[in-house]
Amino acid sequence: IGLNYRRPNGGLRIAIKPFEASLASDPQEAILRDMTQQSKMLEAHIKEHPSEWVWMHKRWKTRPKNQS
């Protein structure tokens, strides 16, 4: 997965993080596992660099029951 970071003096730093695709025999299960893993990687990146993210729409329309 490729991620970028803004540099304080301008420009971007690009980081390529390793990603291993699921080997699940069921294609739907493989997709679910892969997308879950990639979403977690993106979520971690956003939490590390929240000022670099602006959402113009409600990306996640639902939340887990234990979150408001």
N, C-alpha and C. Protein backbone atom coordinates (compact mmCIF):
# COMPACT_ATOMS: atom_id res chain seq x y z
N ILE A 1 0.87 -1.17 0.00
CA ILE A 1 0.00 0.00 0.00
C ILE A 1 0.91 1.22 0.00
N GLY A 2 0.58 2.21 -0.81
CA GLY A 2 1.36 3.43 -0.90
C GLY A 2 0.72 4.56 -0.12
N LEU A 3 1.53 5.27 0.66
CA LEU A 3 1.05 6.38 1.47
C LEU A 3 1.98 7.56 1.27
N ASN A 4 1.46 8.75 1.44
CA ASN A 4 2.34 9.91 1.33
C ASN A 4 2.21 10.79 2.56
N TYR A 5 3.28 11.53 2.83
CA TYR A 5 3.36 12.44 3.97
C TYR A 5 3.85 13.78 3.44
N ARG A 6 3.27 14.84 3.93
CA ARG A 6 3.76 16.17 3.56
C ARG A 6 5.05 16.45 4.33
N ARG A 7 6.01 17.03 3.66
CA ARG A 7 7.26 17.44 4.31
C ARG A 7 7.09 18.86 4.81
N PRO A 8 7.68 19.18 5.96
CA PRO A 8 7.52 20.53 6.53
C PRO A 8 7.97 21.65 5.58
N ASN A 9 9.00 21.40 4.78
CA ASN A 9 9.51 22.44 3.87
C ASN A 9 8.97 22.31 2.46
N GLY A 10 7.90 21.54 2.29
CA GLY A 10 7.30 21.35 0.98
C GLY A 10 7.61 19.98 0.41
N GLY A 11 6.82 19.58 -0.52
CA GLY A 11 7.00 18.29 -1.16
C GLY A 11 6.38 17.16 -0.35
N LEU A 12 6.54 15.97 -0.84
CA LEU A 12 5.96 14.79 -0.21
C LEU A 12 7.00 13.71 -0.01
N ARG A 13 6.80 12.93 1.01
CA ARG A 13 7.57 11.70 1.22
C ARG A 13 6.60 10.56 0.94
N ILE A 14 6.99 9.63 0.09
CA ILE A 14 6.13 8.51 -0.25
C ILE A 14 6.67 7.26 0.44
N ALA A 15 5.77 6.54 1.09
CA ALA A 15 6.14 5.30 1.77
C ALA A 15 5.35 4.15 1.16
N ILE A 16 6.03 3.09 0.85
CA ILE A 16 5.38 1.89 0.35
C ILE A 16 5.44 0.86 1.48
N LYS A 17 4.26 0.46 1.97
CA LYS A 17 4.18 -0.50 3.06
C LYS A 17 3.82 -1.86 2.49
N PRO A 18 4.45 -2.91 3.00
CA PRO A 18 4.17 -4.24 2.47
C PRO A 18 2.73 -4.68 2.74
N PHE A 19 2.21 -5.40 1.80
CA PHE A 19 0.85 -5.93 1.92
C PHE A 19 0.84 -7.33 1.33
N GLU A 20 0.38 -8.29 2.11
CA GLU A 20 0.27 -9.66 1.62
C GLU A 20 -1.20 -9.99 1.37
N ALA A 21 -1.51 -10.30 0.15
CA ALA A 21 -2.89 -10.64 -0.20
C ALA A 21 -3.30 -11.93 0.49
N SER A 22 -4.56 -12.00 0.82
CA SER A 22 -5.13 -13.18 1.47
C SER A 22 -5.04 -14.39 0.55
N LEU A 23 -4.80 -15.53 1.16
CA LEU A 23 -4.75 -16.77 0.40
C LEU A 23 -6.03 -17.60 0.61
N ALA A 24 -7.07 -16.95 1.12
CA ALA A 24 -8.33 -17.65 1.35
C ALA A 24 -8.85 -18.22 0.02
N SER A 25 -9.37 -19.43 0.08
CA SER A 25 -9.85 -20.08 -1.15
C SER A 25 -11.16 -19.46 -1.64
N ASP A 26 -11.94 -18.89 -0.73
CA ASP A 26 -13.20 -18.24 -1.10
C ASP A 26 -12.90 -16.80 -1.53
N PRO A 27 -13.17 -16.42 -2.76
CA PRO A 27 -12.86 -15.07 -3.23
C PRO A 27 -13.49 -13.96 -2.38
N GLN A 28 -14.72 -14.16 -1.95
CA GLN A 28 -15.37 -13.13 -1.13
C GLN A 28 -14.65 -12.97 0.21
N GLU A 29 -14.23 -14.05 0.81
CA GLU A 29 -13.49 -14.01 2.07
C GLU A 29 -12.14 -13.33 1.86
N ALA A 30 -11.48 -13.64 0.75
CA ALA A 30 -10.19 -13.02 0.45
C ALA A 30 -10.34 -11.50 0.30
N ILE A 31 -11.38 -11.07 -0.40
CA ILE A 31 -11.63 -9.64 -0.58
C ILE A 31 -11.88 -8.98 0.77
N LEU A 32 -12.70 -9.60 1.59
CA LEU A 32 -13.01 -9.04 2.91
C LEU A 32 -11.75 -8.91 3.75
N ARG A 33 -10.93 -9.94 3.78
CA ARG A 33 -9.68 -9.89 4.56
C ARG A 33 -8.75 -8.81 4.03
N ASP A 34 -8.57 -8.76 2.71
CA ASP A 34 -7.67 -7.78 2.12
C ASP A 34 -8.13 -6.35 2.37
N MET A 35 -9.41 -6.10 2.17
CA MET A 35 -9.93 -4.74 2.38
C MET A 35 -9.87 -4.34 3.86
N THR A 36 -10.12 -5.30 4.75
CA THR A 36 -10.02 -5.02 6.18
C THR A 36 -8.59 -4.64 6.54
N GLN A 37 -7.63 -5.41 6.05
CA GLN A 37 -6.22 -5.13 6.33
C GLN A 37 -5.81 -3.76 5.77
N GLN A 38 -6.20 -3.47 4.54
CA GLN A 38 -5.84 -2.19 3.94
C GLN A 38 -6.52 -1.03 4.67
N SER A 39 -7.75 -1.20 5.08
CA SER A 39 -8.45 -0.15 5.82
C SER A 39 -7.77 0.13 7.16
N LYS A 40 -7.30 -0.92 7.83
CA LYS A 40 -6.58 -0.73 9.10
C LYS A 40 -5.27 0.01 8.88
N MET A 41 -4.58 -0.30 7.80
CA MET A 41 -3.33 0.40 7.49
C MET A 41 -3.60 1.88 7.21
N LEU A 42 -4.64 2.16 6.44
CA LEU A 42 -5.00 3.54 6.14
C LEU A 42 -5.44 4.28 7.40
N GLU A 43 -6.23 3.61 8.24
CA GLU A 43 -6.68 4.22 9.50
C GLU A 43 -5.48 4.59 10.38
N ALA A 44 -4.50 3.71 10.49
CA ALA A 44 -3.31 4.00 11.28
C ALA A 44 -2.56 5.21 10.72
N HIS A 45 -2.47 5.28 9.39
CA HIS A 45 -1.80 6.42 8.75
C HIS A 45 -2.54 7.73 9.04
N ILE A 46 -3.84 7.70 8.95
CA ILE A 46 -4.64 8.90 9.22
C ILE A 46 -4.48 9.33 10.67
N LYS A 47 -4.48 8.38 11.60
CA LYS A 47 -4.30 8.72 13.02
C LYS A 47 -2.92 9.33 13.28
N GLU A 48 -1.90 8.91 12.53
CA GLU A 48 -0.56 9.45 12.68
C GLU A 48 -0.45 10.86 12.08
N HIS A 49 -1.27 11.15 11.07
CA HIS A 49 -1.18 12.42 10.34
C HIS A 49 -2.58 13.01 10.12
N PRO A 50 -3.34 13.27 11.18
CA PRO A 50 -4.73 13.70 11.00
C PRO A 50 -4.88 15.06 10.30
N SER A 51 -3.89 15.92 10.44
CA SER A 51 -4.02 17.24 9.81
C SER A 51 -3.96 17.18 8.29
N GLU A 52 -3.53 16.06 7.74
CA GLU A 52 -3.41 15.93 6.29
C GLU A 52 -4.69 15.38 5.64
N TRP A 53 -5.73 15.16 6.43
CA TRP A 53 -6.94 14.55 5.91
C TRP A 53 -8.13 15.47 6.08
N VAL A 54 -8.83 15.70 5.02
CA VAL A 54 -10.06 16.49 5.04
C VAL A 54 -11.12 15.66 4.34
N TRP A 55 -12.22 15.41 5.02
CA TRP A 55 -13.31 14.65 4.42
C TRP A 55 -14.40 15.61 3.97
N MET A 56 -14.77 15.49 2.72
CA MET A 56 -15.82 16.35 2.17
C MET A 56 -17.18 15.65 2.22
N HIS A 57 -17.19 14.41 2.62
CA HIS A 57 -18.44 13.65 2.70
C HIS A 57 -18.33 12.66 3.86
N LYS A 58 -19.45 12.11 4.26
CA LYS A 58 -19.45 11.15 5.35
C LYS A 58 -19.02 9.79 4.79
N ARG A 59 -17.75 9.45 4.98
CA ARG A 59 -17.19 8.25 4.38
C ARG A 59 -17.77 6.99 4.98
N TRP A 60 -17.80 6.93 6.30
CA TRP A 60 -18.34 5.75 6.97
C TRP A 60 -19.71 6.12 7.51
N LYS A 61 -20.74 5.57 6.94
CA LYS A 61 -22.11 5.95 7.30
C LYS A 61 -22.60 5.22 8.54
N THR A 62 -21.95 4.15 8.91
CA THR A 62 -22.35 3.41 10.11
C THR A 62 -21.16 3.30 11.05
N ARG A 63 -21.45 3.07 12.32
CA ARG A 63 -20.42 2.90 13.33
C ARG A 63 -20.72 1.63 14.13
N PRO A 64 -19.69 1.05 14.73
CA PRO A 64 -19.96 -0.09 15.60
C PRO A 64 -20.92 0.30 16.72
N LYS A 65 -21.68 -0.64 17.21
CA LYS A 65 -22.70 -0.36 18.23
C LYS A 65 -22.13 0.29 19.47
N ASN A 66 -20.88 0.01 19.82
CA ASN A 66 -20.30 0.57 21.03
C ASN A 66 -19.73 1.98 20.84
N GLN A 67 -19.87 2.56 19.66
CA GLN A 67 -19.39 3.92 19.39
C GLN A 67 -20.56 4.81 19.01
N SER A 68 -20.47 6.07 19.41
CA SER A 68 -21.55 7.00 19.03
C SER A 68 -21.09 7.91 17.92
